[in-house]
C-alpha atoms as a PDB file:
ATOM      1  CA  MET A   1      89.253 102.334 112.317  1.00  0.00           C
ATOM      2  CA  HIS A   2      90.156 101.007 108.875  1.00  0.00           C
ATOM      3  CA  HIS A   3      88.034  98.623 106.881  1.00  0.00           C
ATOM      4  CA  GLU A   4      90.030  96.032 105.012  1.00  0.00           C
ATOM      5  CA  PRO A   5      89.648  95.970 101.223  1.00  0.00           C
ATOM      6  CA  PHE A   6      87.299  93.351  99.805  1.00  0.00           C
ATOM      7  CA  CYS A   7      89.074  91.983  96.739  1.00  0.00           C
ATOM      8  CA  VAL A   8      87.591  90.043  93.823  1.00  0.00           C
ATOM      9  CA  PRO A   9      90.692  88.670  92.022  1.00  0.00           C
ATOM     10  CA  PRO A  10      88.868  87.124  89.016  1.00  0.00           C
ATOM     11  CA  ARG A  11      87.388  90.569  88.223  1.00  0.00           C
ATOM     12  CA  HIS A  12      90.591  92.522  89.026  1.00  0.00           C
ATOM     13  CA  PHE A  13      89.185  94.933  91.594  1.00  0.00           C
ATOM     14  CA  CYS A  14      89.078  95.614  95.313  1.00  0.00           C
ATOM     15  CA  ILE A  15      86.314  97.510  97.073  1.00  0.00           C
ATOM     16  CA  VAL A  16      87.515 100.027  99.639  1.00  0.00           C
ATOM     17  CA  GLN A  17      85.825 102.626 101.822  1.00  0.00           C
ATOM     18  CA  PRO A  18      87.953 105.801 101.849  1.00  0.00           C
ATOM     19  CA  GLU A  19      85.496 107.502 104.208  1.00  0.00           C
ATOM     20  CA  PRO A  20      82.182 106.566 105.842  1.00  0.00           C
ATOM     21  CA  GLY A  21      79.390 106.348 103.282  1.00  0.00           C
ATOM     22  CA  ARG A  22      81.727 106.318 100.260  1.00  0.00           C
ATOM     23  CA  VAL A  23      82.689 103.118  98.408  1.00  0.00           C
ATOM     24  CA  VAL A  24      85.310 102.848  95.642  1.00  0.00           C
ATOM     25  CA  ALA A  25      86.298  99.894  93.425  1.00  0.00           C
ATOM     26  CA  LEU A  26      90.021  99.969  92.645  1.00  0.00           C
ATOM     27  CA  TYR A  27      91.330  98.326  89.455  1.00  0.00           C
ATOM     28  CA  THR A  28      94.161  96.098  90.614  1.00  0.00           C
ATOM     29  CA  TYR A  29      96.473  96.495  87.624  1.00  0.00           C
ATOM     30  CA  ASP A  30      99.368  98.908  88.156  1.00  0.00           C
ATOM     31  CA  PRO A  31      98.806 102.178  86.218  1.00  0.00           C
ATOM     32  CA  HIS A  32     102.432 102.233  85.000  1.00  0.00           C
ATOM     33  CA  ALA A  33     102.417 101.474  81.242  1.00  0.00           C
ATOM     34  CA  VAL A  34     105.211  98.883  81.298  1.00  0.00           C
ATOM     35  CA  PHE A  35     103.911  96.980  84.308  1.00  0.00           C
ATOM     36  CA  ARG A  36     100.286  97.063  83.134  1.00  0.00           C
ATOM     37  CA  GLU A  37     101.400  95.738  79.741  1.00  0.00           C
ATOM     38  CA  ARG A  38     103.074  92.839  81.588  1.00  0.00           C
ATOM     39  CA  GLY A  39      99.886  92.149  83.540  1.00  0.00           C
ATOM     40  CA  CYS A  40     101.298  93.150  86.930  1.00  0.00           C
ATOM     41  CA  GLU A  41      98.578  93.275  89.546  1.00  0.00           C
ATOM     42  CA  VAL A  42      98.797  95.038  92.864  1.00  0.00           C
ATOM     43  CA  ARG A  43      97.813  93.082  95.941  1.00  0.00           C
ATOM     44  CA  PHE A  44      96.758  94.262  99.375  1.00  0.00           C
ATOM     45  CA  ASP A  45      99.227  93.395 102.133  1.00  0.00           C
ATOM     46  CA  LEU A  46      97.840  93.992 105.621  1.00  0.00           C
ATOM     47  CA  GLN A  47     101.342  93.720 107.159  1.00  0.00           C
ATOM     48  CA  ALA A  48     103.090  96.171 104.797  1.00  0.00           C
ATOM     49  CA  GLU A  49     104.221  99.530 106.194  1.00  0.00           C
ATOM     50  CA  LEU A  50     105.692 102.660 104.629  1.00  0.00           C
ATOM     51  CA  GLU A  51     106.748 105.954 106.190  1.00  0.00           C
ATOM     52  CA  ASN A  52     106.646 109.030 103.958  1.00  0.00           C
ATOM     53  CA  ASN A  53     109.018 112.014 104.075  1.00  0.00           C
ATOM     54  CA  ALA A  54     106.705 113.832 106.498  1.00  0.00           C
ATOM     55  CA  GLY A  55     106.992 110.965 108.973  1.00  0.00           C
ATOM     56  CA  THR A  56     103.464 109.610 108.456  1.00  0.00           C
ATOM     57  CA  LEU A  57     103.342 105.834 108.809  1.00  0.00           C
ATOM     58  CA  PHE A  58     100.965 103.975 106.492  1.00  0.00           C
ATOM     59  CA  ARG A  59      99.948 100.446 107.489  1.00  0.00           C
ATOM     60  CA  GLY A  60      98.233  98.035 105.142  1.00  0.00           C
ATOM     61  CA  LEU A  61      99.266  98.786 101.569  1.00  0.00           C
ATOM     62  CA  PHE A  62      98.554  97.808  98.004  1.00  0.00           C
ATOM     63  CA  ARG A  63     101.903  96.719  96.529  1.00  0.00           C
ATOM     64  CA  ASP A  64     103.028  96.139  92.950  1.00  0.00           C
ATOM     65  CA  PRO A  65     105.387  93.132  92.903  1.00  0.00           C
ATOM     66  CA  CYS A  66     106.822  94.111  89.491  1.00  0.00           C
ATOM     67  CA  GLY A  67     107.795  97.774  89.886  1.00  0.00           C
ATOM     68  CA  GLY A  68     107.683  98.178  93.646  1.00  0.00           C
ATOM     69  CA  SER A  69     105.042 100.899  93.712  1.00  0.00           C
ATOM     70  CA  ALA A  70     103.010 101.250  96.895  1.00  0.00           C
ATOM     71  CA  TYR A  71      99.530 102.679  97.458  1.00  0.00           C
ATOM     72  CA  ASP A  72      97.626 103.333 100.647  1.00  0.00           C
ATOM     73  CA  ARG A  73      94.492 101.339 101.408  1.00  0.00           C
ATOM     74  CA  THR A  74      92.374 103.839  99.426  1.00  0.00           C
ATOM     75  CA  GLY A  75      94.526 103.543  96.266  1.00  0.00           C
ATOM     76  CA  HIS A  76      96.562 106.768  96.569  1.00  0.00           C
ATOM     77  CA  ARG A  77     100.118 106.553  95.240  1.00  0.00           C
ATOM     78  CA  LEU A  78     102.717 106.644  98.014  1.00  0.00           C
ATOM     79  CA  PHE A  79     105.915 105.427  96.352  1.00  0.00           C
ATOM     80  CA  GLY A  80     107.399 104.011  93.168  1.00  0.00           C
ATOM     81  CA  PRO A  81     107.553 104.519  89.425  1.00  0.00           C
ATOM     82  CA  THR A  82     103.784 104.479  88.891  1.00  0.00           C
ATOM     83  CA  PRO A  83     102.460 107.724  87.374  1.00  0.00           C
ATOM     84  CA  ARG A  84      99.231 108.025  89.377  1.00  0.00           C
ATOM     85  CA  ASP A  85      96.814 106.657  91.928  1.00  0.00           C
ATOM     86  CA  LEU A  86      95.142 103.344  91.151  1.00  0.00           C
ATOM     87  CA  ASP A  87      92.461 103.482  88.474  1.00  0.00           C
ATOM     88  CA  ARG A  88      88.927 102.607  89.525  1.00  0.00           C
ATOM     89  CA  PHE A  89      85.485 101.483  88.409  1.00  0.00           C
ATOM     90  CA  PRO A  90      82.139 103.180  89.106  1.00  0.00           C
ATOM     91  CA  VAL A  91      80.218 101.709  92.048  1.00  0.00           C
ATOM     92  CA  GLU A  92      76.527 101.790  92.873  1.00  0.00           C
ATOM     93  CA  VAL A  93      75.418 100.792  96.357  1.00  0.00           C
ATOM     94  CA  THR A  94      71.796  99.722  96.771  1.00  0.00           C
ATOM     95  CA  ALA A  95      69.937  98.322  99.751  1.00  0.00           C
ATOM     96  CA  ASP A  96      70.596  94.802  98.458  1.00  0.00           C
ATOM     97  CA  ALA A  97      73.944  94.927  96.659  1.00  0.00           C
ATOM     98  CA  THR A  98      77.135  96.719  95.723  1.00  0.00           C
ATOM     99  CA  ILE A  99      77.341  96.867  91.929  1.00  0.00           C
ATOM    100  CA  VAL A 100      80.713  97.468  90.245  1.00  0.00           C
ATOM    101  CA  ASP A 101      80.650  98.552  86.591  1.00  0.00           C
ATOM    102  CA  THR A 102      83.816  96.900  85.251  1.00  0.00           C
ATOM    103  CA  ARG A 103      83.009  98.148  81.726  1.00  0.00           C
ATOM    104  CA  THR A 104      83.939 101.739  82.622  1.00  0.00           C
ATOM    105  CA  LEU A 105      87.514 102.487  83.732  1.00  0.00           C
ATOM    106  CA  ILE A 106      88.171 105.794  85.518  1.00  0.00           C
ATOM    107  CA  CYS A 107      91.778 107.034  85.536  1.00  0.00           C
ATOM    108  CA  GLY A 108      93.389 107.577  88.910  1.00  0.00           C
ATOM    109  CA  GLU A 109      94.521 111.059  89.774  1.00  0.00           C
ATOM    110  CA  ARG A 110      97.764 111.881  87.985  1.00  0.00           C
ATOM    111  CA  GLN A 111     100.728 112.700  90.148  1.00  0.00           C
ATOM    112  CA  LEU A 112     103.508 112.366  87.589  1.00  0.00           C
ATOM    113  CA  VAL A 113     103.593 113.172  83.885  1.00  0.00           C
ATOM    114  CA  ASP A 114     102.459 110.189  81.831  1.00  0.00           C
ATOM    115  CA  ALA A 115     101.293 111.763  78.572  1.00  0.00           C
ATOM    116  CA  ALA A 116     102.263 108.801  76.394  1.00  0.00           C
ATOM    117  CA  TYR A 117     100.026 106.355  78.233  1.00  0.00           C
ATOM    118  CA  GLY A 118      96.416 106.908  79.089  1.00  0.00           C
ATOM    119  CA  CYS A 119      93.995 104.960  81.165  1.00  0.00           C
ATOM    120  CA  GLN A 120      93.801 101.561  79.485  1.00  0.00           C
ATOM    121  CA  ARG A 121      92.982  98.065  80.588  1.00  0.00           C
ATOM    122  CA  ALA A 122      95.699  95.497  81.008  1.00  0.00           C
ATOM    123  CA  PRO A 123      95.942  93.328  77.865  1.00  0.00           C
ATOM    124  CA  ALA A 124      96.315  90.123  79.871  1.00  0.00           C
ATOM    125  CA  GLY A 125      93.546  91.044  82.255  1.00  0.00           C
ATOM    126  CA  ASP A 126      89.831  91.106  81.940  1.00  0.00           C
END
């Protein structure tokens, strides 16, 4: 069973649960330098589907409307020009709240070479 992402558009993140007991806050700006510079935000689309080369079908995707990149519901890069998985913020879960530290950006895992562009915030964003 998949939990749907809980997105907070004004703060540019979505909370996802990649596995039971683990919570991640994904930064919703595309990691690709050009698209991040333009302020392109990925959005979760419950109806979107993508089949990879191994024949695995992914349902419910984060999609970048500018470059066409696609990510699974945990933020892993599936397709497109983006250099890596979605960046994220640290999360602390207490008995009363889920606290997202939007001051600290953690780079997504790199899957393609992107030496000229590090893990930076979108200029038009937060």
